[in-house]
PDB file of all heavy atoms in Angstrom:
ATOM      1  N   PRO A   1     -17.964  11.459  -4.450  1.00  0.00           N
ATOM      2  CA  PRO A   1     -17.413  11.324  -3.289  1.00  0.00           C
ATOM      3  C   PRO A   1     -17.760   9.841  -2.705  1.00  0.00           C
ATOM      4  O   PRO A   1     -18.935   9.476  -2.785  1.00  0.00           O
ATOM      5  CB  PRO A   1     -17.933  12.359  -2.354  1.00  0.00           C
ATOM      6  CG  PRO A   1     -19.307  12.654  -3.023  1.00  0.00           C
ATOM      7  CD  PRO A   1     -18.950  12.575  -4.434  1.00  0.00           C
ATOM      8  N   PHE A   2     -16.772   9.338  -1.943  1.00  0.00           N
ATOM      9  CA  PHE A   2     -16.991   7.935  -1.320  1.00  0.00           C
ATOM     10  C   PHE A   2     -17.517   8.088   0.137  1.00  0.00           C
ATOM     11  O   PHE A   2     -17.239   9.072   0.833  1.00  0.00           O
ATOM     12  CB  PHE A   2     -15.779   7.119  -1.424  1.00  0.00           C
ATOM     13  CG  PHE A   2     -15.287   7.046  -2.791  1.00  0.00           C
ATOM     14  CD1 PHE A   2     -14.014   7.491  -3.275  1.00  0.00           C
ATOM     15  CD2 PHE A   2     -15.922   6.186  -3.684  1.00  0.00           C
ATOM     16  CE1 PHE A   2     -13.533   7.350  -4.460  1.00  0.00           C
ATOM     17  CE2 PHE A   2     -15.501   6.061  -4.995  1.00  0.00           C
ATOM     18  CZ  PHE A   2     -14.314   6.644  -5.408  1.00  0.00           C
ATOM     19  N   GLY A   3     -18.140   7.046   0.526  1.00  0.00           N
ATOM     20  CA  GLY A   3     -18.595   6.992   1.976  1.00  0.00           C
ATOM     21  C   GLY A   3     -19.571   5.736   2.173  1.00  0.00           C
ATOM     22  O   GLY A   3     -19.477   4.863   1.328  1.00  0.00           O
ATOM     23  N   THR A   4     -20.349   5.893   3.135  1.00  0.00           N
ATOM     24  CA  THR A   4     -21.337   4.740   3.367  1.00  0.00           C
ATOM     25  C   THR A   4     -22.134   4.498   2.301  1.00  0.00           C
ATOM     26  O   THR A   4     -22.782   5.500   1.701  1.00  0.00           O
ATOM     27  CB  THR A   4     -22.142   5.055   4.715  1.00  0.00           C
ATOM     28  OG1 THR A   4     -21.287   5.382   5.751  1.00  0.00           O
ATOM     29  CG2 THR A   4     -23.015   3.990   5.101  1.00  0.00           C
ATOM     30  N   ASP A   5     -22.303   3.253   1.843  1.00  0.00           N
ATOM     31  CA  ASP A   5     -23.126   2.791   0.700  1.00  0.00           C
ATOM     32  C   ASP A   5     -22.432   3.066  -0.710  1.00  0.00           C
ATOM     33  O   ASP A   5     -23.046   2.635  -1.649  1.00  0.00           O
ATOM     34  CB  ASP A   5     -24.554   3.295   0.764  1.00  0.00           C
ATOM     35  CG  ASP A   5     -25.234   2.802   1.920  1.00  0.00           C
ATOM     36  OD1 ASP A   5     -25.089   1.678   2.555  1.00  0.00           O
ATOM     37  OD2 ASP A   5     -26.106   3.474   2.535  1.00  0.00           O
ATOM     38  N   ASN A   6     -21.375   3.902  -0.685  1.00  0.00           N
ATOM     39  CA  ASN A   6     -20.646   4.079  -1.974  1.00  0.00           C
ATOM     40  C   ASN A   6     -19.214   4.149  -1.594  1.00  0.00           C
ATOM     41  O   ASN A   6     -18.431   5.063  -1.589  1.00  0.00           O
ATOM     42  CB  ASN A   6     -21.079   5.493  -2.442  1.00  0.00           C
ATOM     43  CG  ASN A   6     -20.319   5.740  -3.815  1.00  0.00           C
ATOM     44  OD1 ASN A   6     -20.150   4.905  -4.624  1.00  0.00           O
ATOM     45  ND2 ASN A   6     -19.933   6.896  -4.008  1.00  0.00           N
ATOM     46  N   PRO A   7     -18.632   2.933  -1.089  1.00  0.00           N
ATOM     47  CA  PRO A   7     -17.276   2.873  -0.652  1.00  0.00           C
ATOM     48  C   PRO A   7     -16.365   3.072  -1.880  1.00  0.00           C
ATOM     49  O   PRO A   7     -16.646   2.711  -2.991  1.00  0.00           O
ATOM     50  CB  PRO A   7     -17.322   1.474  -0.056  1.00  0.00           C
ATOM     51  CG  PRO A   7     -18.164   0.669  -0.732  1.00  0.00           C
ATOM     52  CD  PRO A   7     -19.362   1.585  -1.112  1.00  0.00           C
ATOM     53  N   ALA A   8     -15.202   3.623  -1.388  1.00  0.00           N
ATOM     54  CA  ALA A   8     -14.052   3.568  -2.472  1.00  0.00           C
ATOM     55  C   ALA A   8     -13.791   2.207  -2.896  1.00  0.00           C
ATOM     56  O   ALA A   8     -13.820   1.190  -2.167  1.00  0.00           O
ATOM     57  CB  ALA A   8     -12.921   4.324  -1.911  1.00  0.00           C
ATOM     58  N   PRO A   9     -13.521   1.995  -4.185  1.00  0.00           N
ATOM     59  CA  PRO A   9     -13.215   0.595  -4.662  1.00  0.00           C
ATOM     60  C   PRO A   9     -11.943   0.007  -3.846  1.00  0.00           C
ATOM     61  O   PRO A   9     -10.969   0.688  -3.814  1.00  0.00           O
ATOM     62  CB  PRO A   9     -12.863   0.867  -6.137  1.00  0.00           C
ATOM     63  CG  PRO A   9     -13.587   2.069  -6.526  1.00  0.00           C
ATOM     64  CD  PRO A   9     -13.486   2.938  -5.284  1.00  0.00           C
ATOM     65  N   ASN A  10     -12.205  -1.105  -3.416  1.00  0.00           N
ATOM     66  CA  ASN A  10     -11.097  -1.843  -2.822  1.00  0.00           C
ATOM     67  C   ASN A  10     -10.528  -3.015  -3.774  1.00  0.00           C
ATOM     68  O   ASN A  10     -11.413  -3.563  -4.410  1.00  0.00           O
ATOM     69  CB  ASN A  10     -11.464  -2.572  -1.527  1.00  0.00           C
ATOM     70  CG  ASN A  10     -11.932  -1.660  -0.459  1.00  0.00           C
ATOM     71  OD1 ASN A  10     -11.272  -0.576  -0.358  1.00  0.00           O
ATOM     72  ND2 ASN A  10     -12.957  -1.893   0.336  1.00  0.00           N
ATOM     73  N   PHE A  11      -9.191  -3.140  -3.825  1.00  0.00           N
ATOM     74  CA  PHE A  11      -8.704  -4.020  -4.835  1.00  0.00           C
ATOM     75  C   PHE A  11      -7.599  -4.900  -4.157  1.00  0.00           C
ATOM     76  O   PHE A  11      -7.040  -4.577  -3.151  1.00  0.00           O
ATOM     77  CB  PHE A  11      -7.841  -3.350  -5.923  1.00  0.00           C
ATOM     78  CG  PHE A  11      -8.809  -2.354  -6.593  1.00  0.00           C
ATOM     79  CD1 PHE A  11      -8.598  -0.944  -6.411  1.00  0.00           C
ATOM     80  CD2 PHE A  11      -9.613  -2.769  -7.608  1.00  0.00           C
ATOM     81  CE1 PHE A  11      -9.477  -0.086  -7.209  1.00  0.00           C
ATOM     82  CE2 PHE A  11     -10.429  -1.964  -8.305  1.00  0.00           C
ATOM     83  CZ  PHE A  11     -10.329  -0.611  -8.098  1.00  0.00           C
ATOM     84  N   LEU A  12      -7.636  -6.269  -4.573  1.00  0.00           N
ATOM     85  CA  LEU A  12      -6.682  -7.232  -4.146  1.00  0.00           C
ATOM     86  C   LEU A  12      -5.501  -7.179  -5.170  1.00  0.00           C
ATOM     87  O   LEU A  12      -5.618  -7.204  -6.302  1.00  0.00           O
ATOM     88  CB  LEU A  12      -7.228  -8.662  -4.115  1.00  0.00           C
ATOM     89  CG  LEU A  12      -6.365  -9.736  -3.505  1.00  0.00           C
ATOM     90  CD1 LEU A  12      -7.229 -10.723  -2.996  1.00  0.00           C
ATOM     91  CD2 LEU A  12      -5.396 -10.347  -4.659  1.00  0.00           C
ATOM     92  N   VAL A  13      -4.235  -6.885  -4.551  1.00  0.00           N
ATOM     93  CA  VAL A  13      -3.024  -6.971  -5.359  1.00  0.00           C
ATOM     94  C   VAL A  13      -2.037  -7.806  -4.737  1.00  0.00           C
ATOM     95  O   VAL A  13      -1.939  -8.079  -3.499  1.00  0.00           O
ATOM     96  CB  VAL A  13      -2.506  -5.503  -5.530  1.00  0.00           C
ATOM     97  CG1 VAL A  13      -3.463  -4.701  -6.416  1.00  0.00           C
ATOM     98  CG2 VAL A  13      -2.197  -4.820  -4.253  1.00  0.00           C
ATOM     99  N   GLU A  14      -1.070  -8.414  -5.504  1.00  0.00           N
ATOM    100  CA  GLU A  14       0.053  -9.250  -5.000  1.00  0.00           C
ATOM    101  C   GLU A  14       1.217  -8.819  -5.668  1.00  0.00           C
ATOM    102  O   GLU A  14       1.285  -8.189  -6.766  1.00  0.00           O
ATOM    103  CB  GLU A  14      -0.320 -10.708  -5.327  1.00  0.00           C
ATOM    104  CG  GLU A  14      -1.535 -11.299  -4.677  1.00  0.00           C
ATOM    105  CD  GLU A  14      -1.764 -12.688  -5.024  1.00  0.00           C
ATOM    106  OE1 GLU A  14      -0.977 -13.541  -4.574  1.00  0.00           O
ATOM    107  OE2 GLU A  14      -2.739 -13.017  -5.769  1.00  0.00           O
ATOM    108  N   GLY A  15       2.373  -9.011  -4.976  1.00  0.00           N
ATOM    109  CA  GLY A  15       3.670  -8.605  -5.467  1.00  0.00           C
ATOM    110  C   GLY A  15       4.710  -8.888  -4.498  1.00  0.00           C
ATOM    111  O   GLY A  15       4.421  -8.972  -3.333  1.00  0.00           O
ATOM    112  N   HIS A  16       5.929  -8.746  -4.896  1.00  0.00           N
ATOM    113  CA  HIS A  16       7.107  -8.964  -3.931  1.00  0.00           C
ATOM    114  C   HIS A  16       7.222  -7.737  -3.181  1.00  0.00           C
ATOM    115  O   HIS A  16       7.363  -6.505  -3.870  1.00  0.00           O
ATOM    116  CB  HIS A  16       8.348  -9.291  -4.725  1.00  0.00           C
ATOM    117  CG  HIS A  16       9.573  -9.190  -3.887  1.00  0.00           C
ATOM    118  ND1 HIS A  16       9.837 -10.094  -2.867  1.00  0.00           N
ATOM    119  CD2 HIS A  16      10.666  -8.372  -3.997  1.00  0.00           C
ATOM    120  CE1 HIS A  16      11.026  -9.752  -2.318  1.00  0.00           C
ATOM    121  NE2 HIS A  16      11.516  -8.689  -2.959  1.00  0.00           N
ATOM    122  N   VAL A  17       7.286  -7.816  -1.861  1.00  0.00           N
ATOM    123  CA  VAL A  17       7.548  -6.514  -0.992  1.00  0.00           C
ATOM    124  C   VAL A  17       9.021  -6.000  -1.125  1.00  0.00           C
ATOM    125  O   VAL A  17      10.031  -6.770  -0.858  1.00  0.00           O
ATOM    126  CB  VAL A  17       7.240  -6.871   0.537  1.00  0.00           C
ATOM    127  CG1 VAL A  17       7.413  -5.654   1.370  1.00  0.00           C
ATOM    128  CG2 VAL A  17       5.654  -7.205   0.568  1.00  0.00           C
ATOM    129  N   ASP A  18       9.131  -4.715  -1.415  1.00  0.00           N
ATOM    130  CA  ASP A  18      10.459  -4.162  -1.572  1.00  0.00           C
ATOM    131  C   ASP A  18      10.590  -2.840  -0.964  1.00  0.00           C
ATOM    132  O   ASP A  18       9.490  -2.197  -0.734  1.00  0.00           O
ATOM    133  CB  ASP A  18      10.819  -4.184  -3.059  1.00  0.00           C
ATOM    134  CG  ASP A  18      12.311  -3.797  -3.338  1.00  0.00           C
ATOM    135  OD1 ASP A  18      13.195  -4.384  -2.696  1.00  0.00           O
ATOM    136  OD2 ASP A  18      12.585  -2.834  -4.012  1.00  0.00           O
ATOM    137  N   SER A  19      11.792  -2.340  -0.556  1.00  0.00           N
ATOM    138  CA  SER A  19      12.064  -1.084  -0.025  1.00  0.00           C
ATOM    139  C   SER A  19      11.150  -0.824   1.086  1.00  0.00           C
ATOM    140  O   SER A  19      10.468   0.228   1.295  1.00  0.00           O
ATOM    141  CB  SER A  19      11.756   0.016  -1.121  1.00  0.00           C
ATOM    142  OG  SER A  19      12.501  -0.164  -2.182  1.00  0.00           O
ATOM    143  N   PHE A  20      11.077  -1.730   2.065  1.00  0.00           N
ATOM    144  CA  PHE A  20      10.033  -1.695   3.287  1.00  0.00           C
ATOM    145  C   PHE A  20      10.811  -0.844   4.258  1.00  0.00           C
ATOM    146  O   PHE A  20      11.926  -0.973   4.709  1.00  0.00           O
ATOM    147  CB  PHE A  20       9.903  -3.076   3.811  1.00  0.00           C
ATOM    148  CG  PHE A  20       8.790  -3.068   4.940  1.00  0.00           C
ATOM    149  CD1 PHE A  20       7.492  -3.254   4.650  1.00  0.00           C
ATOM    150  CD2 PHE A  20       9.191  -2.906   6.331  1.00  0.00           C
ATOM    151  CE1 PHE A  20       6.517  -3.299   5.587  1.00  0.00           C
ATOM    152  CE2 PHE A  20       8.277  -2.867   7.265  1.00  0.00           C
ATOM    153  CZ  PHE A  20       6.963  -3.059   6.901  1.00  0.00           C
ATOM    154  N   LYS A  21       9.972   0.126   4.785  1.00  0.00           N
ATOM    155  CA  LYS A  21      10.411   0.912   5.951  1.00  0.00           C
ATOM    156  C   LYS A  21       9.251   1.263   6.948  1.00  0.00           C
ATOM    157  O   LYS A  21       8.148   1.403   6.408  1.00  0.00           O
ATOM    158  CB  LYS A  21      11.232   2.056   5.604  1.00  0.00           C
ATOM    159  CG  LYS A  21      10.376   3.086   4.744  1.00  0.00           C
ATOM    160  CD  LYS A  21      11.387   4.230   4.302  1.00  0.00           C
ATOM    161  CE  LYS A  21      10.533   5.146   3.343  1.00  0.00           C
ATOM    162  NZ  LYS A  21      11.496   6.340   2.813  1.00  0.00           N
ATOM    163  N   GLN A  22       9.456   1.468   8.119  1.00  0.00           N
ATOM    164  CA  GLN A  22       8.590   1.951   9.150  1.00  0.00           C
ATOM    165  C   GLN A  22       8.701   3.491   9.262  1.00  0.00           C
ATOM    166  O   GLN A  22       9.932   3.957   9.358  1.00  0.00           O
ATOM    167  CB  GLN A  22       8.619   1.271  10.684  1.00  0.00           C
ATOM    168  CG  GLN A  22       8.300  -0.231  10.383  1.00  0.00           C
ATOM    169  CD  GLN A  22       8.298  -0.900  11.804  1.00  0.00           C
ATOM    170  OE1 GLN A  22       9.052  -1.900  11.940  1.00  0.00           O
ATOM    171  NE2 GLN A  22       7.560  -0.423  12.831  1.00  0.00           N
ATOM    172  N   ILE A  23       7.643   4.192   9.425  1.00  0.00           N
ATOM    173  CA  ILE A  23       7.672   5.633   9.518  1.00  0.00           C
ATOM    174  C   ILE A  23       6.763   6.088  10.616  1.00  0.00           C
ATOM    175  O   ILE A  23       5.996   5.292  11.160  1.00  0.00           O
ATOM    176  CB  ILE A  23       7.290   6.301   8.073  1.00  0.00           C
ATOM    177  CG1 ILE A  23       5.775   5.867   7.661  1.00  0.00           C
ATOM    178  CG2 ILE A  23       8.097   5.848   7.003  1.00  0.00           C
ATOM    179  CD1 ILE A  23       5.269   6.482   6.531  1.00  0.00           C
ATOM    180  N   GLY A  24       6.753   7.372  10.889  1.00  0.00           N
ATOM    181  CA  GLY A  24       5.970   8.010  11.999  1.00  0.00           C
ATOM    182  C   GLY A  24       6.937   8.186  13.162  1.00  0.00           C
ATOM    183  O   GLY A  24       7.850   7.483  13.406  1.00  0.00           O
ATOM    184  N   SER A  25       6.421   9.021  14.104  1.00  0.00           N
ATOM    185  CA  SER A  25       7.086   9.223  15.385  1.00  0.00           C
ATOM    186  C   SER A  25       7.393   7.964  16.199  1.00  0.00           C
ATOM    187  O   SER A  25       8.402   8.061  16.920  1.00  0.00           O
ATOM    188  CB  SER A  25       6.389  10.336  16.154  1.00  0.00           C
ATOM    189  OG  SER A  25       5.016   9.956  16.550  1.00  0.00           O
ATOM    190  N   GLU A  26       6.506   7.054  16.104  1.00  0.00           N
ATOM    191  CA  GLU A  26       6.645   5.920  16.885  1.00  0.00           C
ATOM    192  C   GLU A  26       6.634   4.708  15.992  1.00  0.00           C
ATOM    193  O   GLU A  26       6.314   3.593  16.446  1.00  0.00           O
ATOM    194  CB  GLU A  26       5.490   5.728  17.980  1.00  0.00           C
ATOM    195  CG  GLU A  26       5.412   6.898  18.909  1.00  0.00           C
ATOM    196  CD  GLU A  26       4.238   6.643  19.869  1.00  0.00           C
ATOM    197  OE1 GLU A  26       3.561   5.746  19.893  1.00  0.00           O
ATOM    198  OE2 GLU A  26       4.116   7.578  20.722  1.00  0.00           O
ATOM    199  N   GLN A  27       7.155   4.916  14.778  1.00  0.00           N
ATOM    200  CA  GLN A  27       7.287   3.759  13.820  1.00  0.00           C
ATOM    201  C   GLN A  27       5.962   3.044  13.579  1.00  0.00           C
ATOM    202  O   GLN A  27       5.926   1.824  13.247  1.00  0.00           O
ATOM    203  CB  GLN A  27       8.346   2.717  14.255  1.00  0.00           C
ATOM    204  CG  GLN A  27       9.592   3.417  14.430  1.00  0.00           C
ATOM    205  CD  GLN A  27      10.381   3.807  13.189  1.00  0.00           C
ATOM    206  OE1 GLN A  27      10.870   2.936  12.483  1.00  0.00           O
ATOM    207  NE2 GLN A  27      10.442   5.046  12.872  1.00  0.00           N
ATOM    208  N   GLN A  28       4.795   3.839  13.728  1.00  0.00           N
ATOM    209  CA  GLN A  28       3.484   3.088  13.689  1.00  0.00           C
ATOM    210  C   GLN A  28       2.861   2.952  12.353  1.00  0.00           C
ATOM    211  O   GLN A  28       1.912   2.189  12.128  1.00  0.00           O
ATOM    212  CB  GLN A  28       2.489   3.989  14.541  1.00  0.00           C
ATOM    213  CG  GLN A  28       2.096   5.249  13.885  1.00  0.00           C
ATOM    214  CD  GLN A  28       3.020   6.434  14.285  1.00  0.00           C
ATOM    215  OE1 GLN A  28       4.223   6.265  14.430  1.00  0.00           O
ATOM    216  NE2 GLN A  28       2.494   7.528  14.742  1.00  0.00           N
ATOM    217  N   HIS A  29       3.553   3.443  11.335  1.00  0.00           N
ATOM    218  CA  HIS A  29       3.109   3.247   9.946  1.00  0.00           C
ATOM    219  C   HIS A  29       4.102   2.515   9.117  1.00  0.00           C
ATOM    220  O   HIS A  29       5.327   2.482   9.498  1.00  0.00           O
ATOM    221  CB  HIS A  29       2.782   4.664   9.189  1.00  0.00           C
ATOM    222  CG  HIS A  29       1.970   5.627  10.152  1.00  0.00           C
ATOM    223  ND1 HIS A  29       0.738   5.129  10.752  1.00  0.00           N
ATOM    224  CD2 HIS A  29       2.170   6.825  10.704  1.00  0.00           C
ATOM    225  CE1 HIS A  29       0.311   6.109  11.515  1.00  0.00           C
ATOM    226  NE2 HIS A  29       1.130   7.251  11.402  1.00  0.00           N
ATOM    227  N   VAL A  30       3.753   2.146   7.871  1.00  0.00           N
ATOM    228  CA  VAL A  30       4.603   1.360   7.047  1.00  0.00           C
ATOM    229  C   VAL A  30       4.579   2.000   5.628  1.00  0.00           C
ATOM    230  O   VAL A  30       3.577   2.407   5.182  1.00  0.00           O
ATOM    231  CB  VAL A  30       4.518  -0.098   7.016  1.00  0.00           C
ATOM    232  CG1 VAL A  30       4.645  -0.787   8.326  1.00  0.00           C
ATOM    233  CG2 VAL A  30       3.101  -0.554   6.491  1.00  0.00           C
ATOM    234  N   LYS A  31       5.664   1.883   4.919  1.00  0.00           N
ATOM    235  CA  LYS A  31       5.771   2.306   3.571  1.00  0.00           C
ATOM    236  C   LYS A  31       6.702   1.304   2.698  1.00  0.00           C
ATOM    237  O   LYS A  31       7.637   0.901   3.235  1.00  0.00           O
ATOM    238  CB  LYS A  31       6.339   3.787   3.464  1.00  0.00           C
ATOM    239  CG  LYS A  31       6.100   4.393   2.078  1.00  0.00           C
ATOM    240  CD  LYS A  31       6.535   5.955   2.194  1.00  0.00           C
ATOM    241  CE  LYS A  31       6.329   6.619   0.868  1.00  0.00           C
ATOM    242  NZ  LYS A  31       5.031   6.798   0.478  1.00  0.00           N
ATOM    243  N   PHE A  32       6.128   0.772   1.610  1.00  0.00           N
ATOM    244  CA  PHE A  32       6.871  -0.126   0.767  1.00  0.00           C
ATOM    245  C   PHE A  32       6.496  -0.131  -0.595  1.00  0.00           C
ATOM    246  O   PHE A  32       5.582   0.679  -0.915  1.00  0.00           O
ATOM    247  CB  PHE A  32       6.673  -1.447   1.499  1.00  0.00           C
ATOM    248  CG  PHE A  32       5.180  -1.959   1.497  1.00  0.00           C
ATOM    249  CD1 PHE A  32       4.599  -2.781   0.637  1.00  0.00           C
ATOM    250  CD2 PHE A  32       4.479  -1.519   2.618  1.00  0.00           C
ATOM    251  CE1 PHE A  32       3.340  -3.112   0.648  1.00  0.00           C
ATOM    252  CE2 PHE A  32       3.153  -1.981   2.746  1.00  0.00           C
ATOM    253  CZ  PHE A  32       2.548  -2.931   1.795  1.00  0.00           C
ATOM    254  N   SER A  33       7.042  -0.989  -1.313  1.00  0.00           N
ATOM    255  CA  SER A  33       6.594  -1.153  -2.737  1.00  0.00           C
ATOM    256  C   SER A  33       6.310  -2.560  -2.937  1.00  0.00           C
ATOM    257  O   SER A  33       6.863  -3.518  -2.436  1.00  0.00           O
ATOM    258  CB  SER A  33       7.797  -0.649  -3.639  1.00  0.00           C
ATOM    259  OG  SER A  33       8.189   0.741  -3.617  1.00  0.00           O
ATOM    260  N   LEU A  34       5.414  -2.745  -3.924  1.00  0.00           N
ATOM    261  CA  LEU A  34       4.986  -4.038  -4.491  1.00  0.00           C
ATOM    262  C   LEU A  34       5.634  -4.213  -5.901  1.00  0.00           C
ATOM    263  O   LEU A  34       5.336  -3.423  -6.781  1.00  0.00           O
ATOM    264  CB  LEU A  34       3.580  -4.231  -4.529  1.00  0.00           C
ATOM    265  CG  LEU A  34       2.886  -4.456  -3.132  1.00  0.00           C
ATOM    266  CD1 LEU A  34       1.278  -4.521  -3.256  1.00  0.00           C
ATOM    267  CD2 LEU A  34       3.404  -5.623  -2.426  1.00  0.00           C
ATOM    268  N   LYS A  35       6.348  -5.270  -6.106  1.00  0.00           N
ATOM    269  CA  LYS A  35       7.081  -5.371  -7.402  1.00  0.00           C
ATOM    270  C   LYS A  35       6.743  -6.697  -8.093  1.00  0.00           C
ATOM    271  O   LYS A  35       6.500  -7.657  -7.382  1.00  0.00           O
ATOM    272  CB  LYS A  35       8.531  -5.169  -7.346  1.00  0.00           C
ATOM    273  CG  LYS A  35       9.024  -3.777  -6.996  1.00  0.00           C
ATOM    274  CD  LYS A  35      10.548  -3.818  -7.094  1.00  0.00           C
ATOM    275  CE  LYS A  35      11.072  -2.259  -6.935  1.00  0.00           C
ATOM    276  NZ  LYS A  35      12.570  -2.286  -6.991  1.00  0.00           N
ATOM    277  N   ASN A  36       6.866  -6.783  -9.374  1.00  0.00           N
ATOM    278  CA  ASN A  36       6.930  -8.106 -10.167  1.00  0.00           C
ATOM    279  C   ASN A  36       7.957  -7.726 -11.214  1.00  0.00           C
ATOM    280  O   ASN A  36       8.576  -6.713 -11.218  1.00  0.00           O
ATOM    281  CB  ASN A  36       5.660  -8.604 -10.568  1.00  0.00           C
ATOM    282  CG  ASN A  36       4.884  -7.725 -11.445  1.00  0.00           C
ATOM    283  OD1 ASN A  36       5.470  -6.722 -12.114  1.00  0.00           O
ATOM    284  ND2 ASN A  36       3.546  -7.735 -11.538  1.00  0.00           N
ATOM    285  N   GLU A  37       7.951  -8.531 -12.165  1.00  0.00           N
ATOM    286  CA  GLU A  37       8.992  -8.499 -13.289  1.00  0.00           C
ATOM    287  C   GLU A  37       8.782  -7.176 -14.158  1.00  0.00           C
ATOM    288  O   GLU A  37       9.660  -6.623 -14.720  1.00  0.00           O
ATOM    289  CB  GLU A  37       9.019  -9.726 -14.145  1.00  0.00           C
ATOM    290  CG  GLU A  37       9.404 -11.015 -13.503  1.00  0.00           C
ATOM    291  CD  GLU A  37       8.355 -11.687 -12.597  1.00  0.00           C
ATOM    292  OE1 GLU A  37       7.180 -11.068 -12.750  1.00  0.00           O
ATOM    293  OE2 GLU A  37       8.519 -12.672 -11.929  1.00  0.00           O
ATOM    294  N   GLU A  38       7.452  -6.890 -14.209  1.00  0.00           N
ATOM    295  CA  GLU A  38       7.064  -5.785 -15.079  1.00  0.00           C
ATOM    296  C   GLU A  38       6.921  -4.475 -14.364  1.00  0.00           C
ATOM    297  O   GLU A  38       7.145  -3.382 -15.038  1.00  0.00           O
ATOM    298  CB  GLU A  38       5.899  -6.177 -15.895  1.00  0.00           C
ATOM    299  CG  GLU A  38       6.068  -7.461 -16.637  1.00  0.00           C
ATOM    300  CD  GLU A  38       4.693  -8.047 -17.168  1.00  0.00           C
ATOM    301  OE1 GLU A  38       3.639  -7.551 -16.758  1.00  0.00           O
ATOM    302  OE2 GLU A  38       4.702  -8.855 -17.941  1.00  0.00           O
ATOM    303  N   SER A  39       6.202  -4.501 -13.159  1.00  0.00           N
ATOM    304  CA  SER A  39       5.593  -3.276 -12.639  1.00  0.00           C
ATOM    305  C   SER A  39       6.001  -3.111 -11.186  1.00  0.00           C
ATOM    306  O   SER A  39       6.500  -4.027 -10.575  1.00  0.00           O
ATOM    307  CB  SER A  39       4.027  -3.291 -12.690  1.00  0.00           C
ATOM    308  OG  SER A  39       3.663  -3.492 -14.095  1.00  0.00           O
ATOM    309  N   GLN A  40       5.769  -1.786 -10.728  1.00  0.00           N
ATOM    310  CA  GLN A  40       5.898  -1.524  -9.332  1.00  0.00           C
ATOM    311  C   GLN A  40       4.799  -0.613  -8.945  1.00  0.00           C
ATOM    312  O   GLN A  40       4.373   0.142  -9.614  1.00  0.00           O
ATOM    313  CB  GLN A  40       7.213  -0.828  -9.171  1.00  0.00           C
ATOM    314  CG  GLN A  40       7.508  -0.233  -7.845  1.00  0.00           C
ATOM    315  CD  GLN A  40       8.867   0.385  -7.500  1.00  0.00           C
ATOM    316  OE1 GLN A  40       9.843   0.054  -8.206  1.00  0.00           O
ATOM    317  NE2 GLN A  40       8.793   1.497  -6.822  1.00  0.00           N
ATOM    318  N   LEU A  41       4.438  -0.860  -7.594  1.00  0.00           N
ATOM    319  CA  LEU A  41       3.424   0.040  -7.009  1.00  0.00           C
ATOM    320  C   LEU A  41       3.805   0.387  -5.619  1.00  0.00           C
ATOM    321  O   LEU A  41       4.029  -0.484  -4.728  1.00  0.00           O
ATOM    322  CB  LEU A  41       2.017  -0.751  -6.968  1.00  0.00           C
ATOM    323  CG  LEU A  41       0.720  -0.179  -6.235  1.00  0.00           C
ATOM    324  CD1 LEU A  41       0.374   1.182  -6.950  1.00  0.00           C
ATOM    325  CD2 LEU A  41      -0.341  -1.144  -6.191  1.00  0.00           C
ATOM    326  N   ASP A  42       3.704   1.797  -5.335  1.00  0.00           N
ATOM    327  CA  ASP A  42       3.945   2.217  -3.867  1.00  0.00           C
ATOM    328  C   ASP A  42       2.819   1.853  -3.045  1.00  0.00           C
ATOM    329  O   ASP A  42       1.683   1.819  -3.511  1.00  0.00           O
ATOM    330  CB  ASP A  42       4.142   3.711  -3.876  1.00  0.00           C
ATOM    331  CG  ASP A  42       5.528   4.105  -4.519  1.00  0.00           C
ATOM    332  OD1 ASP A  42       6.336   3.139  -4.725  1.00  0.00           O
ATOM    333  OD2 ASP A  42       5.703   5.295  -4.898  1.00  0.00           O
ATOM    334  N   ALA A  43       3.093   1.607  -1.678  1.00  0.00           N
ATOM    335  CA  ALA A  43       2.035   1.393  -0.797  1.00  0.00           C
ATOM    336  C   ALA A  43       2.365   1.971   0.489  1.00  0.00           C
ATOM    337  O   ALA A  43       3.524   2.126   0.857  1.00  0.00           O
ATOM    338  CB  ALA A  43       1.858  -0.218  -0.584  1.00  0.00           C
ATOM    339  N   ILE A  44       1.232   2.354   1.272  1.00  0.00           N
ATOM    340  CA  ILE A  44       1.376   2.947   2.583  1.00  0.00           C
ATOM    341  C   ILE A  44       0.368   2.281   3.464  1.00  0.00           C
ATOM    342  O   ILE A  44      -0.829   2.038   3.027  1.00  0.00           O
ATOM    343  CB  ILE A  44       1.183   4.557   2.472  1.00  0.00           C
ATOM    344  CG1 ILE A  44       1.620   5.101   3.886  1.00  0.00           C
ATOM    345  CG2 ILE A  44      -0.174   4.931   2.134  1.00  0.00           C
ATOM    346  CD1 ILE A  44       2.007   6.559   3.837  1.00  0.00           C
ATOM    347  N   GLY A  45       0.693   1.911   4.675  1.00  0.00           N
ATOM    348  CA  GLY A  45      -0.197   1.319   5.688  1.00  0.00           C
ATOM    349  C   GLY A  45      -0.246   2.140   6.985  1.00  0.00           C
ATOM    350  O   GLY A  45       0.747   2.133   7.710  1.00  0.00           O
TER     351      GLY A  45
END
């Protein structure tokens, strides 16, 4: 389990933002994909 002094690993990633949309009752969150020529990664903020 992660927590203080044992944080979940954080990673830096880059890619073209695609399929971007705002979600939540007040559009307070975002959901999108990061893409390049080979791969795709879903993301939520």
